[in-house]
Amino acid sequence: ASASNPGDGWSAIAAAANGSGYDLYWRNSNSSQFGRWTLNSSGALSGAGLISTQELLTAETALNYDINQDSITGFAYTPGSATINGLNLGNNETGYALRSGTAAPIQITFAGQFASASNPGDGWSAIAAAANGSGYDLYWRNSNSSQFGRWTLNSSGALSSAGLISTQELLTAETTLSFDLSGNGIGLL
């Protein structure tokens, strides 16, 4: 491989050992895409492909290196306005995330997908999260139906169970958490 190979606009930008060989990261200055070559222990190409933003940022986090040279290593966490007992519900480039104090953010996922403002569905928005002992409770509001829901997440932020919650359950949660989940300024029992 050289600066003129593998093709127009591609430049090697970083390399890292991967256990059985190496990963070589590439950037295309024409298309702003990133790629990764997998090399064997002798440095010979054994696999290659484009990588998604998620894959790139995950690699940055694992390597503790700013591969895309945007001055941020890994996911850029943007805090949200809802913080309950030190746990903040915010977001990053791929969707909703949780952050406790200064710890690394935890991505919220379900069925292998990232939870975001457009996913899981029409009208649903995450409004707050709270630690529940073994993981987290994530509260949702549907702007179309005025319903509320709760996801139970494991300690890695992955969905374990979900369901709609009644008005009584919502009011009980507001009281337990000392937080106005409904955003109406009233309702704490």
C-alpha atoms as a PDB file:
ATOM      1  CA  ALA A   1       0.000   0.000   0.000  1.00  0.00           C
ATOM      2  CA  SER A   2       1.132   3.529  -0.748  1.00  0.00           C
ATOM      3  CA  ALA A   3      -0.280   7.041  -0.905  1.00  0.00           C
ATOM      4  CA  SER A   4      -1.449   6.361  -4.488  1.00  0.00           C
ATOM      5  CA  ASN A   5      -2.881   2.929  -3.718  1.00  0.00           C
ATOM      6  CA  PRO A   6      -5.757   1.887  -3.032  1.00  0.00           C
ATOM      7  CA  GLY A   7      -7.110   4.734  -5.102  1.00  0.00           C
ATOM      8  CA  ASP A   8      -8.118   8.313  -5.587  1.00  0.00           C
ATOM      9  CA  GLY A   9      -8.472  10.279  -2.365  1.00  0.00           C
ATOM     10  CA  TRP A  10      -7.593   7.459   0.047  1.00  0.00           C
ATOM     11  CA  SER A  11      -4.882   7.995   2.671  1.00  0.00           C
ATOM     12  CA  ALA A  12      -3.815   5.683   5.486  1.00  0.00           C
ATOM     13  CA  ILE A  13      -4.356   7.545   8.769  1.00  0.00           C
ATOM     14  CA  ALA A  14      -3.818   5.059  11.625  1.00  0.00           C
ATOM     15  CA  ALA A  15      -2.928   1.456  12.421  1.00  0.00           C
ATOM     16  CA  ALA A  16      -3.399  -0.717  15.493  1.00  0.00           C
ATOM     17  CA  ALA A  17      -2.711  -4.288  16.522  1.00  0.00           C
ATOM     18  CA  ASN A  18      -5.901  -6.381  16.629  1.00  0.00           C
ATOM     19  CA  GLY A  19      -4.753  -9.604  18.309  1.00  0.00           C
ATOM     20  CA  SER A  20      -3.962 -11.725  15.253  1.00  0.00           C
ATOM     21  CA  GLY A  21      -2.657  -8.933  13.033  1.00  0.00           C
ATOM     22  CA  TYR A  22      -3.427  -5.299  12.413  1.00  0.00           C
ATOM     23  CA  ASP A  23      -6.201  -2.884  11.509  1.00  0.00           C
ATOM     24  CA  LEU A  24      -5.240  -0.147   9.059  1.00  0.00           C
ATOM     25  CA  TYR A  25      -7.635   2.826   8.944  1.00  0.00           C
ATOM     26  CA  TRP A  26      -8.135   4.926   5.804  1.00  0.00           C
ATOM     27  CA  ARG A  27      -9.795   8.259   5.024  1.00  0.00           C
ATOM     28  CA  ASN A  28     -11.050   9.368   1.616  1.00  0.00           C
ATOM     29  CA  SER A  29     -10.572  13.111   1.208  1.00  0.00           C
ATOM     30  CA  ASN A  30     -12.998  13.202  -1.738  1.00  0.00           C
ATOM     31  CA  SER A  31     -15.961  11.379  -0.179  1.00  0.00           C
ATOM     32  CA  SER A  32     -15.251  11.855   3.583  1.00  0.00           C
ATOM     33  CA  GLN A  33     -15.636   8.083   4.011  1.00  0.00           C
ATOM     34  CA  PHE A  34     -13.531   5.899   6.249  1.00  0.00           C
ATOM     35  CA  GLY A  35     -12.345   2.370   5.634  1.00  0.00           C
ATOM     36  CA  ARG A  36     -10.540  -0.367   7.481  1.00  0.00           C
ATOM     37  CA  TRP A  37      -8.182  -2.990   6.157  1.00  0.00           C
ATOM     38  CA  THR A  38      -7.588  -6.085   8.246  1.00  0.00           C
ATOM     39  CA  LEU A  39      -4.001  -7.267   7.862  1.00  0.00           C
ATOM     40  CA  ASN A  40      -2.506 -10.583   8.965  1.00  0.00           C
ATOM     41  CA  SER A  41       0.562 -10.740  11.220  1.00  0.00           C
ATOM     42  CA  SER A  42       2.788 -10.383   8.143  1.00  0.00           C
ATOM     43  CA  GLY A  43       0.991  -7.206   7.049  1.00  0.00           C
ATOM     44  CA  ALA A  44      -0.840  -8.825   4.127  1.00  0.00           C
ATOM     45  CA  LEU A  45      -4.427  -7.755   3.413  1.00  0.00           C
ATOM     46  CA  SER A  46      -7.005 -10.286   4.651  1.00  0.00           C
ATOM     47  CA  GLY A  47     -10.165  -8.138   4.578  1.00  0.00           C
ATOM     48  CA  ALA A  48     -11.319  -4.618   3.771  1.00  0.00           C
ATOM     49  CA  GLY A  49     -14.389  -2.431   3.733  1.00  0.00           C
ATOM     50  CA  LEU A  50     -15.957   0.902   4.493  1.00  0.00           C
ATOM     51  CA  ILE A  51     -16.802   1.525   8.135  1.00  0.00           C
ATOM     52  CA  SER A  52     -19.795   3.358   9.573  1.00  0.00           C
ATOM     53  CA  THR A  53     -19.646   6.312  11.924  1.00  0.00           C
ATOM     54  CA  GLN A  54     -20.557   3.922  14.744  1.00  0.00           C
ATOM     55  CA  GLU A  55     -17.681   1.569  13.880  1.00  0.00           C
ATOM     56  CA  LEU A  56     -15.242   4.462  13.581  1.00  0.00           C
ATOM     57  CA  LEU A  57     -16.219   5.998  16.924  1.00  0.00           C
ATOM     58  CA  THR A  58     -16.197   2.593  18.629  1.00  0.00           C
ATOM     59  CA  ALA A  59     -12.666   2.002  17.311  1.00  0.00           C
ATOM     60  CA  GLU A  60     -11.601   5.452  18.558  1.00  0.00           C
ATOM     61  CA  THR A  61     -12.932   4.615  22.007  1.00  0.00           C
ATOM     62  CA  ALA A  62     -11.232   1.202  22.097  1.00  0.00           C
ATOM     63  CA  LEU A  63      -7.910   2.592  20.865  1.00  0.00           C
ATOM     64  CA  ASN A  64      -8.163   5.877  22.789  1.00  0.00           C
ATOM     65  CA  TYR A  65      -7.078   7.613  19.585  1.00  0.00           C
ATOM     66  CA  ASP A  66      -8.732  10.288  17.436  1.00  0.00           C
ATOM     67  CA  ILE A  67      -8.788   8.389  14.102  1.00  0.00           C
ATOM     68  CA  ASN A  68     -10.942  10.896  12.205  1.00  0.00           C
ATOM     69  CA  GLN A  69      -8.911  13.819  13.602  1.00  0.00           C
ATOM     70  CA  ASP A  70     -11.934  15.857  14.739  1.00  0.00           C
ATOM     71  CA  SER A  71     -10.315  16.639  18.156  1.00  0.00           C
ATOM     72  CA  ILE A  72     -12.726  14.239  19.927  1.00  0.00           C
ATOM     73  CA  THR A  73     -11.778  10.676  20.796  1.00  0.00           C
ATOM     74  CA  GLY A  74     -14.837   8.445  20.490  1.00  0.00           C
ATOM     75  CA  PHE A  75     -18.406   9.581  20.840  1.00  0.00           C
ATOM     76  CA  ALA A  76     -19.101  13.256  21.563  1.00  0.00           C
ATOM     77  CA  TYR A  77     -21.606  13.320  24.401  1.00  0.00           C
ATOM     78  CA  THR A  78     -24.100  16.196  24.508  1.00  0.00           C
ATOM     79  CA  PRO A  79     -25.764  16.428  27.919  1.00  0.00           C
ATOM     80  CA  GLY A  80     -29.519  16.710  28.086  1.00  0.00           C
ATOM     81  CA  SER A  81     -31.563  18.736  30.530  1.00  0.00           C
ATOM     82  CA  ALA A  82     -32.758  15.704  32.539  1.00  0.00           C
ATOM     83  CA  THR A  83     -30.436  14.603  35.363  1.00  0.00           C
ATOM     84  CA  ILE A  84     -31.711  12.323  38.118  1.00  0.00           C
ATOM     85  CA  ASN A  85     -29.366  11.452  41.010  1.00  0.00           C
ATOM     86  CA  GLY A  86     -26.313  12.239  38.884  1.00  0.00           C
ATOM     87  CA  LEU A  87     -27.481  10.272  35.811  1.00  0.00           C
ATOM     88  CA  ASN A  88     -27.912  12.447  32.728  1.00  0.00           C
ATOM     89  CA  LEU A  89     -29.916  11.519  29.634  1.00  0.00           C
ATOM     90  CA  GLY A  90     -28.199  13.050  26.632  1.00  0.00           C
ATOM     91  CA  ASN A  91     -27.146  11.993  23.158  1.00  0.00           C
ATOM     92  CA  ASN A  92     -24.223  11.434  20.837  1.00  0.00           C
ATOM     93  CA  GLU A  93     -23.771  10.934  17.104  1.00  0.00           C
ATOM     94  CA  THR A  94     -25.822   7.726  17.034  1.00  0.00           C
ATOM     95  CA  GLY A  95     -28.645   8.503  19.461  1.00  0.00           C
ATOM     96  CA  TYR A  96     -29.573   8.596  23.139  1.00  0.00           C
ATOM     97  CA  ALA A  97     -26.903   7.928  25.742  1.00  0.00           C
ATOM     98  CA  LEU A  98     -26.604   7.961  29.523  1.00  0.00           C
ATOM     99  CA  ARG A  99     -23.800   9.457  31.559  1.00  0.00           C
ATOM    100  CA  SER A 100     -23.216   9.156  35.263  1.00  0.00           C
ATOM    101  CA  GLY A 101     -21.003  11.981  36.477  1.00  0.00           C
ATOM    102  CA  THR A 102     -17.800  11.999  34.426  1.00  0.00           C
ATOM    103  CA  ALA A 103     -17.953   8.299  33.483  1.00  0.00           C
ATOM    104  CA  ALA A 104     -17.924   7.263  29.837  1.00  0.00           C
ATOM    105  CA  PRO A 105     -21.367   7.577  28.193  1.00  0.00           C
ATOM    106  CA  ILE A 106     -23.465   4.438  27.743  1.00  0.00           C
ATOM    107  CA  GLN A 107     -25.245   4.061  24.398  1.00  0.00           C
ATOM    108  CA  ILE A 108     -28.941   3.068  24.609  1.00  0.00           C
ATOM    109  CA  THR A 109     -29.798   0.149  22.321  1.00  0.00           C
ATOM    110  CA  PHE A 110     -32.663  -2.198  21.531  1.00  0.00           C
ATOM    111  CA  ALA A 111     -32.720  -5.219  19.218  1.00  0.00           C
ATOM    112  CA  GLY A 112     -29.283  -4.274  17.890  1.00  0.00           C
ATOM    113  CA  GLN A 113     -30.356  -0.718  17.005  1.00  0.00           C
ATOM    114  CA  PHE A 114     -29.620   2.626  18.598  1.00  0.00           C
ATOM    115  CA  ALA A 115     -32.421   4.438  20.371  1.00  0.00           C
ATOM    116  CA  SER A 116     -32.718   7.960  18.980  1.00  0.00           C
ATOM    117  CA  ALA A 117     -35.180  10.777  18.447  1.00  0.00           C
ATOM    118  CA  SER A 118     -36.483   8.934  15.356  1.00  0.00           C
ATOM    119  CA  ASN A 119     -36.164   5.394  16.690  1.00  0.00           C
ATOM    120  CA  PRO A 120     -38.180   3.536  18.231  1.00  0.00           C
ATOM    121  CA  GLY A 121     -41.089   5.170  16.492  1.00  0.00           C
ATOM    122  CA  ASP A 122     -43.481   7.931  15.670  1.00  0.00           C
ATOM    123  CA  GLY A 123     -43.968  10.457  18.431  1.00  0.00           C
ATOM    124  CA  TRP A 124     -41.794   8.788  21.097  1.00  0.00           C
ATOM    125  CA  SER A 125     -39.121  10.839  22.877  1.00  0.00           C
ATOM    126  CA  ALA A 126     -36.910   9.798  25.770  1.00  0.00           C
ATOM    127  CA  ILE A 127     -37.489  12.229  28.642  1.00  0.00           C
ATOM    128  CA  ALA A 128     -35.386  10.997  31.589  1.00  0.00           C
ATOM    129  CA  ALA A 129     -33.473   8.044  32.989  1.00  0.00           C
ATOM    130  CA  ALA A 130     -32.713   6.779  36.466  1.00  0.00           C
ATOM    131  CA  ALA A 131     -30.509   4.056  37.895  1.00  0.00           C
ATOM    132  CA  ASN A 132     -32.538   1.087  39.154  1.00  0.00           C
ATOM    133  CA  GLY A 133     -29.941  -1.045  40.952  1.00  0.00           C
ATOM    134  CA  SER A 134     -28.912  -3.467  38.197  1.00  0.00           C
ATOM    135  CA  GLY A 135     -29.312  -1.067  35.282  1.00  0.00           C
ATOM    136  CA  TYR A 136     -31.506   1.839  34.306  1.00  0.00           C
ATOM    137  CA  ASP A 137     -35.117   2.878  33.775  1.00  0.00           C
ATOM    138  CA  LEU A 138     -35.634   5.016  30.685  1.00  0.00           C
ATOM    139  CA  TYR A 139     -38.867   7.021  30.549  1.00  0.00           C
ATOM    140  CA  TRP A 140     -40.581   7.930  27.271  1.00  0.00           C
ATOM    141  CA  ARG A 141     -43.377  10.280  26.268  1.00  0.00           C
ATOM    142  CA  ASN A 142     -45.445   9.983  23.078  1.00  0.00           C
ATOM    143  CA  SER A 143     -46.405  13.401  21.728  1.00  0.00           C
ATOM    144  CA  ASN A 144     -49.118  11.895  19.487  1.00  0.00           C
ATOM    145  CA  SER A 145     -50.963   9.769  22.042  1.00  0.00           C
ATOM    146  CA  SER A 146     -49.936  11.480  25.339  1.00  0.00           C
ATOM    147  CA  GLN A 147     -48.871   8.048  26.629  1.00  0.00           C
ATOM    148  CA  PHE A 148     -45.832   7.317  28.765  1.00  0.00           C
ATOM    149  CA  GLY A 149     -43.616   4.264  28.662  1.00  0.00           C
ATOM    150  CA  ARG A 150     -40.705   2.798  30.550  1.00  0.00           C
ATOM    151  CA  TRP A 151     -37.821   0.736  29.249  1.00  0.00           C
ATOM    152  CA  THR A 152     -35.759  -1.303  31.656  1.00  0.00           C
ATOM    153  CA  LEU A 153     -32.153  -1.305  30.463  1.00  0.00           C
ATOM    154  CA  ASN A 154     -29.303  -3.529  31.591  1.00  0.00           C
ATOM    155  CA  SER A 155     -26.037  -2.038  32.855  1.00  0.00           C
ATOM    156  CA  SER A 156     -24.772  -1.795  29.245  1.00  0.00           C
ATOM    157  CA  GLY A 157     -27.784   0.308  28.175  1.00  0.00           C
ATOM    158  CA  ALA A 158     -29.506  -2.487  26.218  1.00  0.00           C
ATOM    159  CA  LEU A 159     -33.271  -2.929  26.448  1.00  0.00           C
ATOM    160  CA  SER A 160     -34.376  -5.752  28.778  1.00  0.00           C
ATOM    161  CA  SER A 161     -38.105  -5.034  28.910  1.00  0.00           C
ATOM    162  CA  ALA A 162     -40.553  -2.301  27.955  1.00  0.00           C
ATOM    163  CA  GLY A 163     -44.137  -1.261  28.373  1.00  0.00           C
ATOM    164  CA  LEU A 164     -46.615   1.549  28.718  1.00  0.00           C
ATOM    165  CA  ILE A 165     -47.093   2.928  32.216  1.00  0.00           C
ATOM    166  CA  SER A 166     -50.319   4.104  33.773  1.00  0.00           C
ATOM    167  CA  THR A 167     -50.908   7.561  35.221  1.00  0.00           C
ATOM    168  CA  GLN A 168     -50.566   6.070  38.720  1.00  0.00           C
ATOM    169  CA  GLU A 169     -47.237   4.427  37.806  1.00  0.00           C
ATOM    170  CA  LEU A 170     -46.032   7.727  36.319  1.00  0.00           C
ATOM    171  CA  LEU A 171     -46.999   9.676  39.459  1.00  0.00           C
ATOM    172  CA  THR A 172     -45.357   7.067  41.689  1.00  0.00           C
ATOM    173  CA  ALA A 173     -42.152   7.262  39.625  1.00  0.00           C
ATOM    174  CA  GLU A 174     -42.205  11.083  39.801  1.00  0.00           C
ATOM    175  CA  THR A 175     -42.484  10.891  43.584  1.00  0.00           C
ATOM    176  CA  THR A 176     -39.791   8.220  43.961  1.00  0.00           C
ATOM    177  CA  LEU A 177     -37.381  10.087  41.686  1.00  0.00           C
ATOM    178  CA  SER A 178     -38.371  13.617  42.821  1.00  0.00           C
ATOM    179  CA  PHE A 179     -38.547  14.534  39.152  1.00  0.00           C
ATOM    180  CA  ASP A 180     -41.419  15.870  37.036  1.00  0.00           C
ATOM    181  CA  LEU A 181     -41.433  13.234  34.252  1.00  0.00           C
ATOM    182  CA  SER A 182     -44.631  14.546  32.673  1.00  0.00           C
ATOM    183  CA  GLY A 183     -43.245  18.073  32.475  1.00  0.00           C
ATOM    184  CA  ASN A 184     -46.515  19.568  33.668  1.00  0.00           C
ATOM    185  CA  GLY A 185     -45.101  21.118  36.849  1.00  0.00           C
ATOM    186  CA  ILE A 186     -47.530  19.131  39.021  1.00  0.00           C
ATOM    187  CA  GLY A 187     -48.314  15.544  39.865  1.00  0.00           C
ATOM    188  CA  LEU A 188     -45.794  14.537  42.493  1.00  0.00           C
ATOM    189  CA  LEU A 189     -47.634  12.487  45.045  1.00  0.00           C
END
